[in-house]
Amino acid sequence: VAVAMNSGTQAAKEAGNMVDLDSSPTKLIEIVQIGKQLLMTRGSLTTF
């Protein structure tokens, strides 16, 4: 999971598979939480 800053260079943005439009280095933690929530939601509703 590679989060490039929108304010960064084109090389960094092309190398990443996500771009943070706010260019906030702490956003990575929030992205991980969103990813885990997606997997949890899918797994929970499948179980249900």
All heavy atoms as atom14 arrays in JSON, in Angstrom:
{
  "sequence": "VAVAMNSGTQAAKEAGNMVDLDSSPTKLIEIVQIGKQLLMTRGSLTTF",
  "atom14_mask": [
    [1, 1, 1, 1, 1, 1, 1, 0, 0, 0, 0, 0, 0, 0],
    [1, 1, 1, 1, 1, 0, 0, 0, 0, 0, 0, 0, 0, 0],
    [1, 1, 1, 1, 1, 1, 1, 0, 0, 0, 0, 0, 0, 0],
    [1, 1, 1, 1, 1, 0, 0, 0, 0, 0, 0, 0, 0, 0],
    [1, 1, 1, 1, 1, 1, 1, 1, 0, 0, 0, 0, 0, 0],
    [1, 1, 1, 1, 1, 1, 1, 1, 0, 0, 0, 0, 0, 0],
    [1, 1, 1, 1, 1, 1, 0, 0, 0, 0, 0, 0, 0, 0],
    [1, 1, 1, 1, 0, 0, 0, 0, 0, 0, 0, 0, 0, 0],
    [1, 1, 1, 1, 1, 1, 1, 0, 0, 0, 0, 0, 0, 0],
    [1, 1, 1, 1, 1, 1, 1, 1, 1, 0, 0, 0, 0, 0],
    [1, 1, 1, 1, 1, 0, 0, 0, 0, 0, 0, 0, 0, 0],
    [1, 1, 1, 1, 1, 0, 0, 0, 0, 0, 0, 0, 0, 0],
    [1, 1, 1, 1, 1, 1, 1, 1, 1, 0, 0, 0, 0, 0],
    [1, 1, 1, 1, 1, 1, 1, 1, 1, 0, 0, 0, 0, 0],
    [1, 1, 1, 1, 1, 0, 0, 0, 0, 0, 0, 0, 0, 0],
    [1, 1, 1, 1, 0, 0, 0, 0, 0, 0, 0, 0, 0, 0],
    [1, 1, 1, 1, 1, 1, 1, 1, 0, 0, 0, 0, 0, 0],
    [1, 1, 1, 1, 1, 1, 1, 1, 0, 0, 0, 0, 0, 0],
    [1, 1, 1, 1, 1, 1, 1, 0, 0, 0, 0, 0, 0, 0],
    [1, 1, 1, 1, 1, 1, 1, 1, 0, 0, 0, 0, 0, 0],
    [1, 1, 1, 1, 1, 1, 1, 1, 0, 0, 0, 0, 0, 0],
    [1, 1, 1, 1, 1, 1, 1, 1, 0, 0, 0, 0, 0, 0],
    [1, 1, 1, 1, 1, 1, 0, 0, 0, 0, 0, 0, 0, 0],
    [1, 1, 1, 1, 1, 1, 0, 0, 0, 0, 0, 0, 0, 0],
    [1, 1, 1, 1, 1, 1, 1, 0, 0, 0, 0, 0, 0, 0],
    [1, 1, 1, 1, 1, 1, 1, 0, 0, 0, 0, 0, 0, 0],
    [1, 1, 1, 1, 1, 1, 1, 1, 1, 0, 0, 0, 0, 0],
    [1, 1, 1, 1, 1, 1, 1, 1, 0, 0, 0, 0, 0, 0],
    [1, 1, 1, 1, 1, 1, 1, 1, 0, 0, 0, 0, 0, 0],
    [1, 1, 1, 1, 1, 1, 1, 1, 1, 0, 0, 0, 0, 0],
    [1, 1, 1, 1, 1, 1, 1, 1, 0, 0, 0, 0, 0, 0],
    [1, 1, 1, 1, 1, 1, 1, 0, 0, 0, 0, 0, 0, 0],
    [1, 1, 1, 1, 1, 1, 1, 1, 1, 0, 0, 0, 0, 0],
    [1, 1, 1, 1, 1, 1, 1, 1, 0, 0, 0, 0, 0, 0],
    [1, 1, 1, 1, 0, 0, 0, 0, 0, 0, 0, 0, 0, 0],
    [1, 1, 1, 1, 1, 1, 1, 1, 1, 0, 0, 0, 0, 0],
    [1, 1, 1, 1, 1, 1, 1, 1, 1, 0, 0, 0, 0, 0],
    [1, 1, 1, 1, 1, 1, 1, 1, 0, 0, 0, 0, 0, 0],
    [1, 1, 1, 1, 1, 1, 1, 1, 0, 0, 0, 0, 0, 0],
    [1, 1, 1, 1, 1, 1, 1, 1, 0, 0, 0, 0, 0, 0],
    [1, 1, 1, 1, 1, 1, 1, 0, 0, 0, 0, 0, 0, 0],
    [1, 1, 1, 1, 1, 1, 1, 1, 1, 1, 1, 0, 0, 0],
    [1, 1, 1, 1, 0, 0, 0, 0, 0, 0, 0, 0, 0, 0],
    [1, 1, 1, 1, 1, 1, 0, 0, 0, 0, 0, 0, 0, 0],
    [1, 1, 1, 1, 1, 1, 1, 1, 0, 0, 0, 0, 0, 0],
    [1, 1, 1, 1, 1, 1, 1, 0, 0, 0, 0, 0, 0, 0],
    [1, 1, 1, 1, 1, 1, 1, 0, 0, 0, 0, 0, 0, 0],
    [1, 1, 1, 1, 1, 1, 1, 1, 1, 1, 1, 0, 0, 0]
  ],
  "atom14_positions": [
    [[0.87, -1.17, 0.0], [0.0, 0.0, 0.0], [0.91, 1.22, 0.0], [1.66, 1.44, 0.95], [-0.93, 0.03, 1.23], [-1.76, 1.3, 1.24], [-1.83, -1.19, 1.24], [0.0, 0.0, 0.0], [0.0, 0.0, 0.0], [0.0, 0.0, 0.0], [0.0, 0.0, 0.0], [0.0, 0.0, 0.0], [0.0, 0.0, 0.0], [0.0, 0.0, 0.0]],
    [[0.85, 1.99, -1.07], [1.76, 3.13, -1.24], [0.94, 4.39, -1.42], [0.23, 4.55, -2.42], [2.66, 2.9, -2.46], [0.0, 0.0, 0.0], [0.0, 0.0, 0.0], [0.0, 0.0, 0.0], [0.0, 0.0, 0.0], [0.0, 0.0, 0.0], [0.0, 0.0, 0.0], [0.0, 0.0, 0.0], [0.0, 0.0, 0.0], [0.0, 0.0, 0.0]],
    [[1.02, 5.28, -0.43], [0.23, 6.5, -0.45], [1.14, 7.67, -0.81], [2.02, 8.04, -0.03], [-0.44, 6.77, 0.92], [-1.34, 7.99, 0.84], [-1.24, 5.55, 1.36], [0.0, 0.0, 0.0], [0.0, 0.0, 0.0], [0.0, 0.0, 0.0], [0.0, 0.0, 0.0], [0.0, 0.0, 0.0], [0.0, 0.0, 0.0], [0.0, 0.0, 0.0]],
    [[0.95, 8.22, -2.0], [1.74, 9.36, -2.45], [1.02, 10.65, -2.09], [-0.21, 10.72, -2.13], [1.97, 9.29, -3.96], [0.0, 0.0, 0.0], [0.0, 0.0, 0.0], [0.0, 0.0, 0.0], [0.0, 0.0, 0.0], [0.0, 0.0, 0.0], [0.0, 0.0, 0.0], [0.0, 0.0, 0.0], [0.0, 0.0, 0.0], [0.0, 0.0, 0.0]],
    [[1.8, 11.65, -1.72], [1.22, 12.95, -1.4], [0.88, 13.7, -2.69], [1.68, 13.73, -3.63], [2.2, 13.8, -0.59], [2.66, 13.19, 0.72], [1.35, 13.0, 1.94], [1.0, 11.25, 1.8], [0.0, 0.0, 0.0], [0.0, 0.0, 0.0], [0.0, 0.0, 0.0], [0.0, 0.0, 0.0], [0.0, 0.0, 0.0], [0.0, 0.0, 0.0]],
    [[-0.3, 14.31, -2.74], [-0.7, 15.09, -3.92], [0.25, 16.25, -4.18], [0.44, 16.67, -5.31], [-2.13, 15.6, -3.75], [-2.66, 16.29, -4.98], [-2.45, 15.82, -6.1], [-3.33, 17.4, -4.8], [0.0, 0.0, 0.0], [0.0, 0.0, 0.0], [0.0, 0.0, 0.0], [0.0, 0.0, 0.0], [0.0, 0.0, 0.0], [0.0, 0.0, 0.0]],
    [[0.86, 16.76, -3.1], [1.78, 17.88, -3.23], [3.16, 17.44, -3.71], [4.01, 18.27, -4.0], [1.92, 18.59, -1.88], [2.45, 17.7, -0.92], [0.0, 0.0, 0.0], [0.0, 0.0, 0.0], [0.0, 0.0, 0.0], [0.0, 0.0, 0.0], [0.0, 0.0, 0.0], [0.0, 0.0, 0.0], [0.0, 0.0, 0.0], [0.0, 0.0, 0.0]],
    [[3.37, 16.14, -3.78], [4.69, 15.62, -4.11], [4.98, 15.59, -5.6], [4.25, 16.17, -6.41], [0.0, 0.0, 0.0], [0.0, 0.0, 0.0], [0.0, 0.0, 0.0], [0.0, 0.0, 0.0], [0.0, 0.0, 0.0], [0.0, 0.0, 0.0], [0.0, 0.0, 0.0], [0.0, 0.0, 0.0], [0.0, 0.0, 0.0], [0.0, 0.0, 0.0]],
    [[6.01, 14.88, -5.96], [6.45, 14.84, -7.35], [5.58, 13.87, -8.16], [4.93, 12.98, -7.62], [7.91, 14.39, -7.44], [8.03, 13.06, -6.93], [8.82, 15.32, -6.63], [0.0, 0.0, 0.0], [0.0, 0.0, 0.0], [0.0, 0.0, 0.0], [0.0, 0.0, 0.0], [0.0, 0.0, 0.0], [0.0, 0.0, 0.0], [0.0, 0.0, 0.0]],
    [[5.63, 14.06, -9.47], [4.89, 13.18, -10.35], [5.39, 11.75, -10.25], [4.62, 10.79, -10.32], [5.0, 13.68, -11.8], [4.09, 12.97, -12.78], [2.62, 13.22, -12.5], [2.25, 14.26, -11.95], [1.77, 12.27, -12.86], [0.0, 0.0, 0.0], [0.0, 0.0, 0.0], [0.0, 0.0, 0.0], [0.0, 0.0, 0.0], [0.0, 0.0, 0.0]],
    [[6.7, 11.58, -10.06], [7.28, 10.24, -9.94], [6.69, 9.5, -8.74], [6.37, 8.31, -8.82], [8.79, 10.34, -9.8], [0.0, 0.0, 0.0], [0.0, 0.0, 0.0], [0.0, 0.0, 0.0], [0.0, 0.0, 0.0], [0.0, 0.0, 0.0], [0.0, 0.0, 0.0], [0.0, 0.0, 0.0], [0.0, 0.0, 0.0], [0.0, 0.0, 0.0]],
    [[6.53, 10.2, -7.62], [5.97, 9.59, -6.42], [4.5, 9.21, -6.66], [4.05, 8.12, -6.28], [6.09, 10.53, -5.23], [0.0, 0.0, 0.0], [0.0, 0.0, 0.0], [0.0, 0.0, 0.0], [0.0, 0.0, 0.0], [0.0, 0.0, 0.0], [0.0, 0.0, 0.0], [0.0, 0.0, 0.0], [0.0, 0.0, 0.0], [0.0, 0.0, 0.0]],
    [[3.74, 10.09, -7.31], [2.32, 9.83, -7.55], [2.13, 8.65, -8.5], [1.19, 7.87, -8.36], [1.64, 11.08, -8.09], [1.52, 12.19, -7.04], [1.28, 13.55, -7.65], [-0.12, 13.73, -8.13], [-0.39, 15.12, -8.55], [0.0, 0.0, 0.0], [0.0, 0.0, 0.0], [0.0, 0.0, 0.0], [0.0, 0.0, 0.0], [0.0, 0.0, 0.0]],
    [[3.0, 8.52, -9.46], [2.9, 7.42, -10.41], [3.31, 6.1, -9.76], [2.81, 5.03, -10.13], [3.77, 7.69, -11.64], [3.22, 8.81, -12.53], [4.13, 9.12, -13.7], [5.24, 8.56, -13.75], [3.75, 9.94, -14.56], [0.0, 0.0, 0.0], [0.0, 0.0, 0.0], [0.0, 0.0, 0.0], [0.0, 0.0, 0.0], [0.0, 0.0, 0.0]],
    [[4.2, 6.15, -8.77], [4.66, 4.93, -8.11], [3.65, 4.42, -7.1], [3.59, 3.22, -6.82], [6.0, 5.19, -7.41], [0.0, 0.0, 0.0], [0.0, 0.0, 0.0], [0.0, 0.0, 0.0], [0.0, 0.0, 0.0], [0.0, 0.0, 0.0], [0.0, 0.0, 0.0], [0.0, 0.0, 0.0], [0.0, 0.0, 0.0], [0.0, 0.0, 0.0]],
    [[2.85, 5.33, -6.51], [1.89, 4.92, -5.48], [0.63, 4.33, -6.07], [0.32, 4.52, -7.24], [0.0, 0.0, 0.0], [0.0, 0.0, 0.0], [0.0, 0.0, 0.0], [0.0, 0.0, 0.0], [0.0, 0.0, 0.0], [0.0, 0.0, 0.0], [0.0, 0.0, 0.0], [0.0, 0.0, 0.0], [0.0, 0.0, 0.0], [0.0, 0.0, 0.0]],
    [[-0.1, 3.57, -5.23], [-1.41, 3.08, -5.67], [-2.55, 3.84, -5.01], [-3.72, 3.51, -5.18], [-1.57, 1.57, -5.44], [-1.18, 1.14, -4.05], [-1.27, 1.93, -3.11], [-0.75, -0.1, -3.9], [0.0, 0.0, 0.0], [0.0, 0.0, 0.0], [0.0, 0.0, 0.0], [0.0, 0.0, 0.0], [0.0, 0.0, 0.0], [0.0, 0.0, 0.0]],
    [[-2.2, 4.86, -4.22], [-3.17, 5.81, -3.68], [-2.52, 7.19, -3.68], [-1.3, 7.3, -3.57], [-3.58, 5.46, -2.25], [-4.37, 4.18, -2.1], [-4.95, 4.0, -0.39], [-5.62, 2.34, -0.46], [0.0, 0.0, 0.0], [0.0, 0.0, 0.0], [0.0, 0.0, 0.0], [0.0, 0.0, 0.0], [0.0, 0.0, 0.0], [0.0, 0.0, 0.0]],
    [[-3.35, 8.22, -3.79], [-2.87, 9.6, -3.7], [-3.68, 10.32, -2.64], [-4.92, 10.34, -2.7], [-2.99, 10.33, -5.05], [-2.56, 11.79, -4.9], [-2.16, 9.65, -6.12], [0.0, 0.0, 0.0], [0.0, 0.0, 0.0], [0.0, 0.0, 0.0], [0.0, 0.0, 0.0], [0.0, 0.0, 0.0], [0.0, 0.0, 0.0], [0.0, 0.0, 0.0]],
    [[-3.0, 10.89, -1.66], [-3.66, 11.65, -0.6], [-3.78, 13.1, -1.05], [-2.77, 13.81, -1.16], [-2.86, 11.54, 0.7], [-3.45, 12.41, 1.8], [-4.64, 12.78, 1.69], [-2.73, 12.72, 2.76], [0.0, 0.0, 0.0], [0.0, 0.0, 0.0], [0.0, 0.0, 0.0], [0.0, 0.0, 0.0], [0.0, 0.0, 0.0], [0.0, 0.0, 0.0]],
    [[-5.0, 13.54, -1.32], [-5.21, 14.89, -1.84], [-4.86, 15.96, -0.81], [-4.53, 17.08, -1.18], [-6.66, 15.05, -2.29], [-7.16, 14.03, -3.32], [-8.61, 14.3, -3.67], [-6.3, 14.05, -4.56], [0.0, 0.0, 0.0], [0.0, 0.0, 0.0], [0.0, 0.0, 0.0], [0.0, 0.0, 0.0], [0.0, 0.0, 0.0], [0.0, 0.0, 0.0]],
    [[-4.95, 15.61, 0.48], [-4.62, 16.57, 1.53], [-3.13, 16.62, 1.83], [-2.69, 17.48, 2.58], [-5.36, 16.22, 2.83], [-6.86, 16.34, 2.69], [-7.3, 17.19, 1.91], [-7.59, 15.58, 3.36], [0.0, 0.0, 0.0], [0.0, 0.0, 0.0], [0.0, 0.0, 0.0], [0.0, 0.0, 0.0], [0.0, 0.0, 0.0], [0.0, 0.0, 0.0]],
    [[-2.38, 15.66, 1.29], [-0.94, 15.58, 1.54], [-0.63, 15.55, 3.04], [0.25, 16.24, 3.53], [-0.2, 16.74, 0.86], [-0.43, 16.75, -0.52], [0.0, 0.0, 0.0], [0.0, 0.0, 0.0], [0.0, 0.0, 0.0], [0.0, 0.0, 0.0], [0.0, 0.0, 0.0], [0.0, 0.0, 0.0], [0.0, 0.0, 0.0], [0.0, 0.0, 0.0]],
    [[-1.4, 14.73, 3.76], [-1.21, 14.58, 5.2], [-0.51, 13.27, 5.49], [-1.07, 12.2, 5.22], [-2.57, 14.6, 5.92], [-2.42, 14.23, 7.26], [0.0, 0.0, 0.0], [0.0, 0.0, 0.0], [0.0, 0.0, 0.0], [0.0, 0.0, 0.0], [0.0, 0.0, 0.0], [0.0, 0.0, 0.0], [0.0, 0.0, 0.0], [0.0, 0.0, 0.0]],
    [[0.7, 13.31, 6.04], [1.43, 12.06, 6.28], [0.72, 11.11, 7.23], [0.93, 9.91, 7.17], [2.76, 12.56, 6.89], [2.89, 13.97, 6.45], [1.49, 14.49, 6.39], [0.0, 0.0, 0.0], [0.0, 0.0, 0.0], [0.0, 0.0, 0.0], [0.0, 0.0, 0.0], [0.0, 0.0, 0.0], [0.0, 0.0, 0.0], [0.0, 0.0, 0.0]],
    [[-0.13, 11.63, 8.12], [-0.83, 10.75, 9.06], [-2.02, 10.05, 8.42], [-2.63, 9.19, 9.05], [-1.33, 11.56, 10.28], [-2.17, 12.62, 9.81], [-0.18, 12.17, 11.05], [0.0, 0.0, 0.0], [0.0, 0.0, 0.0], [0.0, 0.0, 0.0], [0.0, 0.0, 0.0], [0.0, 0.0, 0.0], [0.0, 0.0, 0.0], [0.0, 0.0, 0.0]],
    [[-2.37, 10.38, 7.2], [-3.54, 9.8, 6.54], [-3.41, 8.29, 6.39], [-4.42, 7.58, 6.31], [-3.72, 10.46, 5.17], [-5.05, 10.13, 4.47], [-6.24, 10.73, 5.17], [-6.25, 12.23, 5.06], [-6.46, 12.76, 3.75], [0.0, 0.0, 0.0], [0.0, 0.0, 0.0], [0.0, 0.0, 0.0], [0.0, 0.0, 0.0], [0.0, 0.0, 0.0]],
    [[-2.18, 7.79, 6.37], [-1.96, 6.36, 6.19], [-2.69, 5.54, 7.26], [-3.25, 4.48, 6.98], [-0.45, 6.06, 6.23], [-0.03, 4.6, 6.04], [-0.55, 4.06, 4.72], [1.48, 4.47, 6.1], [0.0, 0.0, 0.0], [0.0, 0.0, 0.0], [0.0, 0.0, 0.0], [0.0, 0.0, 0.0], [0.0, 0.0, 0.0], [0.0, 0.0, 0.0]],
    [[-2.69, 6.05, 8.49], [-3.37, 5.34, 9.57], [-4.87, 5.25, 9.29], [-5.49, 4.21, 9.47], [-3.09, 6.04, 10.91], [-1.59, 5.98, 11.24], [-3.91, 5.41, 12.04], [-1.19, 6.77, 12.46], [0.0, 0.0, 0.0], [0.0, 0.0, 0.0], [0.0, 0.0, 0.0], [0.0, 0.0, 0.0], [0.0, 0.0, 0.0], [0.0, 0.0, 0.0]],
    [[-5.45, 6.35, 8.82], [-6.88, 6.37, 8.5], [-7.19, 5.43, 7.34], [-8.23, 4.76, 7.33], [-7.31, 7.8, 8.16], [-8.8, 7.97, 7.98], [-9.2, 9.41, 7.73], [-8.33, 10.3, 7.85], [-10.37, 9.64, 7.41], [0.0, 0.0, 0.0], [0.0, 0.0, 0.0], [0.0, 0.0, 0.0], [0.0, 0.0, 0.0], [0.0, 0.0, 0.0]],
    [[-6.3, 5.37, 6.36], [-6.5, 4.48, 5.21], [-6.53, 3.02, 5.66], [-7.36, 2.23, 5.21], [-5.39, 4.71, 4.17], [-5.57, 6.08, 3.5], [-5.39, 3.6, 3.12], [-4.39, 6.5, 2.65], [0.0, 0.0, 0.0], [0.0, 0.0, 0.0], [0.0, 0.0, 0.0], [0.0, 0.0, 0.0], [0.0, 0.0, 0.0], [0.0, 0.0, 0.0]],
    [[-5.62, 2.65, 6.55], [-5.59, 1.28, 7.07], [-6.9, 0.97, 7.79], [-7.47, -0.12, 7.63], [-4.38, 1.09, 8.0], [-4.48, -0.25, 8.75], [-3.08, 1.13, 7.21], [0.0, 0.0, 0.0], [0.0, 0.0, 0.0], [0.0, 0.0, 0.0], [0.0, 0.0, 0.0], [0.0, 0.0, 0.0], [0.0, 0.0, 0.0], [0.0, 0.0, 0.0]],
    [[-7.41, 1.92, 8.56], [-8.66, 1.7, 9.28], [-9.83, 1.53, 8.3], [-10.69, 0.67, 8.51], [-8.92, 2.88, 10.22], [-7.94, 2.94, 11.38], [-8.11, 4.19, 12.22], [-8.61, 5.21, 11.74], [-7.68, 4.13, 13.46], [0.0, 0.0, 0.0], [0.0, 0.0, 0.0], [0.0, 0.0, 0.0], [0.0, 0.0, 0.0], [0.0, 0.0, 0.0]],
    [[-9.85, 2.32, 7.24], [-10.92, 2.19, 6.23], [-10.84, 0.83, 5.55], [-11.86, 0.17, 5.32], [-10.82, 3.33, 5.2], [-11.18, 4.68, 5.85], [-11.76, 3.07, 4.01], [-10.93, 5.87, 4.97], [0.0, 0.0, 0.0], [0.0, 0.0, 0.0], [0.0, 0.0, 0.0], [0.0, 0.0, 0.0], [0.0, 0.0, 0.0], [0.0, 0.0, 0.0]],
    [[-9.63, 0.39, 5.22], [-9.45, -0.91, 4.6], [-9.9, -2.04, 5.5], [-10.59, -2.98, 5.06], [0.0, 0.0, 0.0], [0.0, 0.0, 0.0], [0.0, 0.0, 0.0], [0.0, 0.0, 0.0], [0.0, 0.0, 0.0], [0.0, 0.0, 0.0], [0.0, 0.0, 0.0], [0.0, 0.0, 0.0], [0.0, 0.0, 0.0], [0.0, 0.0, 0.0]],
    [[-9.56, -1.96, 6.77], [-9.97, -3.0, 7.71], [-11.48, -2.98, 7.92], [-12.12, -4.03, 8.04], [-9.24, -2.83, 9.04], [-7.76, -3.21, 8.98], [-7.12, -3.23, 10.33], [-5.67, -3.7, 10.23], [-5.54, -5.08, 9.77], [0.0, 0.0, 0.0], [0.0, 0.0, 0.0], [0.0, 0.0, 0.0], [0.0, 0.0, 0.0], [0.0, 0.0, 0.0]],
    [[-12.06, -1.78, 7.94], [-13.51, -1.69, 8.1], [-14.23, -2.31, 6.9], [-15.25, -2.98, 7.06], [-13.93, -0.23, 8.26], [-15.41, -0.07, 8.57], [-15.85, 1.37, 8.66], [-15.39, 2.21, 7.89], [-16.73, 1.68, 9.58], [0.0, 0.0, 0.0], [0.0, 0.0, 0.0], [0.0, 0.0, 0.0], [0.0, 0.0, 0.0], [0.0, 0.0, 0.0]],
    [[-13.69, -2.12, 5.7], [-14.29, -2.72, 4.51], [-14.29, -4.24, 4.62], [-15.31, -4.9, 4.38], [-13.51, -2.28, 3.26], [-13.85, -3.01, 1.96], [-15.28, -2.73, 1.55], [-12.89, -2.59, 0.84], [0.0, 0.0, 0.0], [0.0, 0.0, 0.0], [0.0, 0.0, 0.0], [0.0, 0.0, 0.0], [0.0, 0.0, 0.0], [0.0, 0.0, 0.0]],
    [[-13.14, -4.82, 5.0], [-13.06, -6.28, 5.12], [-13.96, -6.79, 6.24], [-14.61, -7.83, 6.1], [-11.61, -6.69, 5.39], [-10.6, -6.38, 4.27], [-9.21, -6.85, 4.66], [-11.01, -7.02, 2.95], [0.0, 0.0, 0.0], [0.0, 0.0, 0.0], [0.0, 0.0, 0.0], [0.0, 0.0, 0.0], [0.0, 0.0, 0.0], [0.0, 0.0, 0.0]],
    [[-14.01, -6.05, 7.36], [-14.88, -6.44, 8.47], [-16.35, -6.43, 8.06], [-17.11, -7.34, 8.4], [-14.68, -5.48, 9.65], [-13.46, -5.73, 10.5], [-13.25, -4.4, 11.7], [-14.89, -4.32, 12.41], [0.0, 0.0, 0.0], [0.0, 0.0, 0.0], [0.0, 0.0, 0.0], [0.0, 0.0, 0.0], [0.0, 0.0, 0.0], [0.0, 0.0, 0.0]],
    [[-16.75, -5.39, 7.35], [-18.15, -5.27, 6.94], [-18.53, -6.41, 6.01], [-19.59, -7.04, 6.19], [-18.38, -3.91, 6.23], [-17.99, -2.85, 7.1], [-19.83, -3.75, 5.85], [0.0, 0.0, 0.0], [0.0, 0.0, 0.0], [0.0, 0.0, 0.0], [0.0, 0.0, 0.0], [0.0, 0.0, 0.0], [0.0, 0.0, 0.0], [0.0, 0.0, 0.0]],
    [[-17.69, -6.68, 5.06], [-17.98, -7.77, 4.11], [-18.04, -9.11, 4.83], [-18.96, -9.92, 4.62], [-16.91, -7.8, 3.01], [-17.22, -8.79, 1.9], [-16.08, -8.85, 0.93], [-15.9, -7.59, 0.26], [-14.74, -7.17, -0.26], [-13.66, -7.92, -0.14], [-14.66, -6.02, -0.88], [0.0, 0.0, 0.0], [0.0, 0.0, 0.0], [0.0, 0.0, 0.0]],
    [[-17.08, -9.36, 5.72], [-17.06, -10.62, 6.45], [-18.24, -10.77, 7.39], [-18.85, -11.84, 7.49], [0.0, 0.0, 0.0], [0.0, 0.0, 0.0], [0.0, 0.0, 0.0], [0.0, 0.0, 0.0], [0.0, 0.0, 0.0], [0.0, 0.0, 0.0], [0.0, 0.0, 0.0], [0.0, 0.0, 0.0], [0.0, 0.0, 0.0], [0.0, 0.0, 0.0]],
    [[-18.59, -9.67, 8.08], [-19.68, -9.73, 9.04], [-21.02, -10.0, 8.36], [-21.82, -10.83, 8.81], [-19.75, -8.41, 9.82], [-18.56, -8.2, 10.56], [0.0, 0.0, 0.0], [0.0, 0.0, 0.0], [0.0, 0.0, 0.0], [0.0, 0.0, 0.0], [0.0, 0.0, 0.0], [0.0, 0.0, 0.0], [0.0, 0.0, 0.0], [0.0, 0.0, 0.0]],
    [[-21.27, -9.3, 7.25], [-22.55, -9.48, 6.56], [-22.61, -10.82, 5.82], [-23.7, -11.37, 5.64], [-22.8, -8.31, 5.6], [-23.04, -6.96, 6.29], [-23.45, -5.9, 5.28], [-24.09, -7.07, 7.37], [0.0, 0.0, 0.0], [0.0, 0.0, 0.0], [0.0, 0.0, 0.0], [0.0, 0.0, 0.0], [0.0, 0.0, 0.0], [0.0, 0.0, 0.0]],
    [[-21.47, -11.33, 5.41], [-21.45, -12.67, 4.82], [-21.82, -13.7, 5.89], [-22.62, -14.62, 5.65], [-20.06, -12.99, 4.24], [-19.75, -12.05, 3.22], [-20.03, -14.4, 3.65], [0.0, 0.0, 0.0], [0.0, 0.0, 0.0], [0.0, 0.0, 0.0], [0.0, 0.0, 0.0], [0.0, 0.0, 0.0], [0.0, 0.0, 0.0], [0.0, 0.0, 0.0]],
    [[-21.23, -13.56, 7.07], [-21.56, -14.45, 8.19], [-23.04, -14.38, 8.52], [-23.71, -15.41, 8.71], [-20.73, -14.08, 9.44], [-19.34, -14.14, 9.11], [-21.02, -15.01, 10.6], [0.0, 0.0, 0.0], [0.0, 0.0, 0.0], [0.0, 0.0, 0.0], [0.0, 0.0, 0.0], [0.0, 0.0, 0.0], [0.0, 0.0, 0.0], [0.0, 0.0, 0.0]],
    [[-23.56, -13.17, 8.6], [-24.99, -12.97, 8.91], [-25.87, -13.62, 7.85], [-26.85, -14.29, 8.16], [-25.28, -11.48, 9.01], [-26.69, -11.16, 9.41], [-27.05, -11.09, 10.75], [-27.67, -10.93, 8.46], [-28.35, -10.81, 11.13], [-28.98, -10.65, 8.83], [-29.32, -10.58, 10.18], [0.0, 0.0, 0.0], [0.0, 0.0, 0.0], [0.0, 0.0, 0.0]]
  ]
}
